[in-house]
Amino acid sequence: MSRSTEFLLELARSLEQELTGLAAVDSRVDGSYCELKVTPIRAEACGFTIHSEEDTEMTVEFGRFSVAHVYSPDFDALAADLNSMVTALLAGEVHERVGFVNEKPCRAKATVGEGGATSAFSTRDGLCIGGETRKFEYSPYRS
């Protein structure tokens, strides 16, 4: 089993305990691929899914349309970055602006974290001309 799979399965066990009654935590393994999905009970909290790519990169889908590719050649640094991101997502430290054309999301700009520990992400699906932009603020899993 890869280090990224072991990490995600251990994170899933930890989150299942921490988020009892607050979210559904699901994980699945298919060969070398592993996925962890956290779906909050409260619609105001930010759901997310982490996909293992390899032991140097994982992808996090979060909010309405945002995607973060987290990379480090050092697995321990990668795990630390993911743990920090998950902590911020659970704390509601997510701000997202999503562009829609014909009610279909086509771009997003998001920040995760607060203060000096903020990371910015940009996601795009083809051209996104016209339409409208909506802001989304998320609440902590625990109020």
C-alpha atoms as a PDB file:
ATOM      1  CA  MET A   1       0.000   0.000   0.000  1.00  0.00           C
ATOM      2  CA  SER A   2       1.376   3.439  -0.943  1.00  0.00           C
ATOM      3  CA  ARG A   3       2.173   6.097   1.633  1.00  0.00           C
ATOM      4  CA  SER A   4      -0.530   8.367   0.190  1.00  0.00           C
ATOM      5  CA  THR A   5      -3.154   5.618   0.557  1.00  0.00           C
ATOM      6  CA  GLU A   6      -2.054   4.894   4.129  1.00  0.00           C
ATOM      7  CA  PHE A   7      -2.168   8.623   4.908  1.00  0.00           C
ATOM      8  CA  LEU A   8      -5.691   9.081   3.483  1.00  0.00           C
ATOM      9  CA  LEU A   9      -7.066   6.004   5.252  1.00  0.00           C
ATOM     10  CA  GLU A  10      -5.600   7.163   8.574  1.00  0.00           C
ATOM     11  CA  LEU A  11      -7.008  10.665   7.969  1.00  0.00           C
ATOM     12  CA  ALA A  12     -10.407   9.100   7.238  1.00  0.00           C
ATOM     13  CA  ARG A  13     -10.354   7.190  10.552  1.00  0.00           C
ATOM     14  CA  SER A  14      -9.397  10.339  12.432  1.00  0.00           C
ATOM     15  CA  LEU A  15     -12.072  12.464  10.727  1.00  0.00           C
ATOM     16  CA  GLU A  16     -14.760   9.813  11.312  1.00  0.00           C
ATOM     17  CA  GLN A  17     -14.147  10.175  15.058  1.00  0.00           C
ATOM     18  CA  GLU A  18     -13.760  13.966  15.023  1.00  0.00           C
ATOM     19  CA  LEU A  19     -16.792  14.640  12.821  1.00  0.00           C
ATOM     20  CA  THR A  20     -19.313  12.166  14.265  1.00  0.00           C
ATOM     21  CA  GLY A  21     -22.743  13.755  13.819  1.00  0.00           C
ATOM     22  CA  LEU A  22     -21.246  16.592  11.752  1.00  0.00           C
ATOM     23  CA  ALA A  23     -20.307  14.933   8.457  1.00  0.00           C
ATOM     24  CA  ALA A  24     -20.270  11.731   6.464  1.00  0.00           C
ATOM     25  CA  VAL A  25     -16.715  10.507   5.920  1.00  0.00           C
ATOM     26  CA  ASP A  26     -16.197   7.980   3.140  1.00  0.00           C
ATOM     27  CA  SER A  27     -13.042   6.444   1.736  1.00  0.00           C
ATOM     28  CA  ARG A  28     -12.434   3.971  -1.037  1.00  0.00           C
ATOM     29  CA  VAL A  29      -9.400   2.216  -2.407  1.00  0.00           C
ATOM     30  CA  ASP A  30      -9.113   0.848  -5.925  1.00  0.00           C
ATOM     31  CA  GLY A  31      -5.669  -0.586  -6.559  1.00  0.00           C
ATOM     32  CA  SER A  32      -3.177   2.234  -6.042  1.00  0.00           C
ATOM     33  CA  TYR A  33      -5.921   4.900  -6.099  1.00  0.00           C
ATOM     34  CA  CYS A  34      -7.482   6.168  -2.874  1.00  0.00           C
ATOM     35  CA  GLU A  35     -10.207   8.756  -2.334  1.00  0.00           C
ATOM     36  CA  LEU A  36     -11.435  10.436   0.861  1.00  0.00           C
ATOM     37  CA  LYS A  37     -14.757  12.298   0.716  1.00  0.00           C
ATOM     38  CA  VAL A  38     -16.132  14.477   3.525  1.00  0.00           C
ATOM     39  CA  THR A  39     -19.741  15.637   3.182  1.00  0.00           C
ATOM     40  CA  PRO A  40     -20.911  17.986   5.942  1.00  0.00           C
ATOM     41  CA  ILE A  41     -24.396  17.664   7.434  1.00  0.00           C
ATOM     42  CA  ARG A  42     -24.759  21.456   7.427  1.00  0.00           C
ATOM     43  CA  ALA A  43     -25.007  22.938   3.923  1.00  0.00           C
ATOM     44  CA  GLU A  44     -23.038  26.025   5.060  1.00  0.00           C
ATOM     45  CA  ALA A  45     -19.868  23.993   5.706  1.00  0.00           C
ATOM     46  CA  CYS A  46     -17.397  23.222   2.906  1.00  0.00           C
ATOM     47  CA  GLY A  47     -17.367  19.661   1.611  1.00  0.00           C
ATOM     48  CA  PHE A  48     -14.205  18.249   0.096  1.00  0.00           C
ATOM     49  CA  THR A  49     -12.700  15.210  -1.603  1.00  0.00           C
ATOM     50  CA  ILE A  50      -9.015  14.266  -1.590  1.00  0.00           C
ATOM     51  CA  HIS A  51      -7.673  12.037  -4.385  1.00  0.00           C
ATOM     52  CA  SER A  52      -4.309  10.298  -4.185  1.00  0.00           C
ATOM     53  CA  GLU A  53      -2.326  10.892  -7.349  1.00  0.00           C
ATOM     54  CA  GLU A  54       0.992   9.465  -6.147  1.00  0.00           C
ATOM     55  CA  ASP A  55       3.227   9.864  -3.120  1.00  0.00           C
ATOM     56  CA  THR A  56       4.262  13.351  -4.243  1.00  0.00           C
ATOM     57  CA  GLU A  57       0.877  14.820  -5.246  1.00  0.00           C
ATOM     58  CA  MET A  58      -2.750  14.766  -4.154  1.00  0.00           C
ATOM     59  CA  THR A  59      -5.734  16.647  -5.520  1.00  0.00           C
ATOM     60  CA  VAL A  60      -8.338  18.321  -3.309  1.00  0.00           C
ATOM     61  CA  GLU A  61     -11.752  19.271  -4.711  1.00  0.00           C
ATOM     62  CA  PHE A  62     -13.614  21.621  -2.406  1.00  0.00           C
ATOM     63  CA  GLY A  63     -16.514  24.049  -2.250  1.00  0.00           C
ATOM     64  CA  ARG A  64     -18.650  24.540  -5.322  1.00  0.00           C
ATOM     65  CA  PHE A  65     -15.982  24.255  -8.034  1.00  0.00           C
ATOM     66  CA  SER A  66     -12.446  24.676  -6.652  1.00  0.00           C
ATOM     67  CA  VAL A  67      -9.547  22.278  -7.146  1.00  0.00           C
ATOM     68  CA  ALA A  68      -6.135  22.332  -5.474  1.00  0.00           C
ATOM     69  CA  HIS A  69      -3.184  20.235  -6.589  1.00  0.00           C
ATOM     70  CA  VAL A  70      -0.921  19.785  -3.569  1.00  0.00           C
ATOM     71  CA  TYR A  71       2.610  18.714  -4.475  1.00  0.00           C
ATOM     72  CA  SER A  72       5.866  18.102  -2.650  1.00  0.00           C
ATOM     73  CA  PRO A  73       8.739  15.719  -3.425  1.00  0.00           C
ATOM     74  CA  ASP A  74       8.952  15.244   0.377  1.00  0.00           C
ATOM     75  CA  PHE A  75       6.003  13.104   1.518  1.00  0.00           C
ATOM     76  CA  ASP A  76       6.104  14.436   5.089  1.00  0.00           C
ATOM     77  CA  ALA A  77       5.812  18.007   3.767  1.00  0.00           C
ATOM     78  CA  LEU A  78       2.934  16.931   1.487  1.00  0.00           C
ATOM     79  CA  ALA A  79       1.112  15.360   4.451  1.00  0.00           C
ATOM     80  CA  ALA A  80       1.675  18.492   6.565  1.00  0.00           C
ATOM     81  CA  ASP A  81       0.298  20.719   3.787  1.00  0.00           C
ATOM     82  CA  LEU A  82      -2.788  18.497   3.425  1.00  0.00           C
ATOM     83  CA  ASN A  83      -3.362  18.424   7.192  1.00  0.00           C
ATOM     84  CA  SER A  84      -3.187  22.238   7.277  1.00  0.00           C
ATOM     85  CA  MET A  85      -5.632  22.493   4.394  1.00  0.00           C
ATOM     86  CA  VAL A  86      -8.088  20.054   5.995  1.00  0.00           C
ATOM     87  CA  THR A  87      -7.904  21.988   9.274  1.00  0.00           C
ATOM     88  CA  ALA A  88      -8.741  25.226   7.429  1.00  0.00           C
ATOM     89  CA  LEU A  89     -11.599  23.579   5.490  1.00  0.00           C
ATOM     90  CA  LEU A  90     -13.102  22.226   8.718  1.00  0.00           C
ATOM     91  CA  ALA A  91     -12.744  25.652  10.364  1.00  0.00           C
ATOM     92  CA  GLY A  92     -14.685  27.324   7.545  1.00  0.00           C
ATOM     93  CA  GLU A  93     -11.640  29.323   6.439  1.00  0.00           C
ATOM     94  CA  VAL A  94     -12.692  29.153   2.788  1.00  0.00           C
ATOM     95  CA  HIS A  95     -13.735  32.004   0.500  1.00  0.00           C
ATOM     96  CA  GLU A  96     -14.768  31.163  -3.028  1.00  0.00           C
ATOM     97  CA  ARG A  97     -15.865  33.210  -6.049  1.00  0.00           C
ATOM     98  CA  VAL A  98     -17.427  31.073  -8.764  1.00  0.00           C
ATOM     99  CA  GLY A  99     -18.257  32.193 -12.296  1.00  0.00           C
ATOM    100  CA  PHE A 100     -21.350  30.690 -13.901  1.00  0.00           C
ATOM    101  CA  VAL A 101     -22.540  30.727 -17.511  1.00  0.00           C
ATOM    102  CA  ASN A 102     -26.065  29.382 -18.003  1.00  0.00           C
ATOM    103  CA  GLU A 103     -25.997  28.163 -14.360  1.00  0.00           C
ATOM    104  CA  LYS A 104     -22.968  25.972 -15.103  1.00  0.00           C
ATOM    105  CA  PRO A 105     -19.803  26.732 -13.069  1.00  0.00           C
ATOM    106  CA  CYS A 106     -16.873  27.533 -15.331  1.00  0.00           C
ATOM    107  CA  ARG A 107     -14.238  29.196 -13.111  1.00  0.00           C
ATOM    108  CA  ALA A 108     -13.420  29.635  -9.449  1.00  0.00           C
ATOM    109  CA  LYS A 109     -10.997  31.633  -7.365  1.00  0.00           C
ATOM    110  CA  ALA A 110     -10.677  30.464  -3.793  1.00  0.00           C
ATOM    111  CA  THR A 111      -8.610  31.138  -0.707  1.00  0.00           C
ATOM    112  CA  VAL A 112      -8.128  28.619   2.067  1.00  0.00           C
ATOM    113  CA  GLY A 113      -6.763  29.583   5.481  1.00  0.00           C
ATOM    114  CA  GLU A 114      -6.595  32.826   7.392  1.00  0.00           C
ATOM    115  CA  GLY A 115      -3.902  35.412   8.029  1.00  0.00           C
ATOM    116  CA  GLY A 116      -0.387  34.530   6.910  1.00  0.00           C
ATOM    117  CA  ALA A 117      -1.354  30.909   6.230  1.00  0.00           C
ATOM    118  CA  THR A 118      -3.646  31.674   3.277  1.00  0.00           C
ATOM    119  CA  SER A 119      -3.338  29.772   0.002  1.00  0.00           C
ATOM    120  CA  ALA A 120      -5.023  30.884  -3.227  1.00  0.00           C
ATOM    121  CA  PHE A 121      -6.339  28.578  -5.944  1.00  0.00           C
ATOM    122  CA  SER A 122      -7.744  29.173  -9.410  1.00  0.00           C
ATOM    123  CA  THR A 123      -9.840  26.666 -11.338  1.00  0.00           C
ATOM    124  CA  ARG A 124     -11.140  26.979 -14.884  1.00  0.00           C
ATOM    125  CA  ASP A 125     -13.170  24.830 -17.254  1.00  0.00           C
ATOM    126  CA  GLY A 126     -12.762  26.269 -20.749  1.00  0.00           C
ATOM    127  CA  LEU A 127     -13.779  29.814 -21.601  1.00  0.00           C
ATOM    128  CA  CYS A 128     -15.921  31.601 -19.074  1.00  0.00           C
ATOM    129  CA  ILE A 129     -17.159  34.726 -20.821  1.00  0.00           C
ATOM    130  CA  GLY A 130     -20.147  36.638 -19.525  1.00  0.00           C
ATOM    131  CA  GLY A 131     -22.416  35.068 -16.982  1.00  0.00           C
ATOM    132  CA  GLU A 132     -22.334  35.961 -13.327  1.00  0.00           C
ATOM    133  CA  THR A 133     -19.994  35.577 -10.371  1.00  0.00           C
ATOM    134  CA  ARG A 134     -21.232  34.442  -6.976  1.00  0.00           C
ATOM    135  CA  LYS A 135     -19.392  34.599  -3.656  1.00  0.00           C
ATOM    136  CA  PHE A 136     -19.519  31.696  -1.232  1.00  0.00           C
ATOM    137  CA  GLU A 137     -18.464  31.890   2.405  1.00  0.00           C
ATOM    138  CA  TYR A 138     -18.370  28.699   4.458  1.00  0.00           C
ATOM    139  CA  SER A 139     -19.056  28.037   8.122  1.00  0.00           C
ATOM    140  CA  PRO A 140     -17.024  25.812  10.443  1.00  0.00           C
ATOM    141  CA  TYR A 141     -18.161  22.217  10.840  1.00  0.00           C
ATOM    142  CA  ARG A 142     -18.484  22.926  14.576  1.00  0.00           C
ATOM    143  CA  SER A 143     -20.386  26.054  15.538  1.00  0.00           C
END
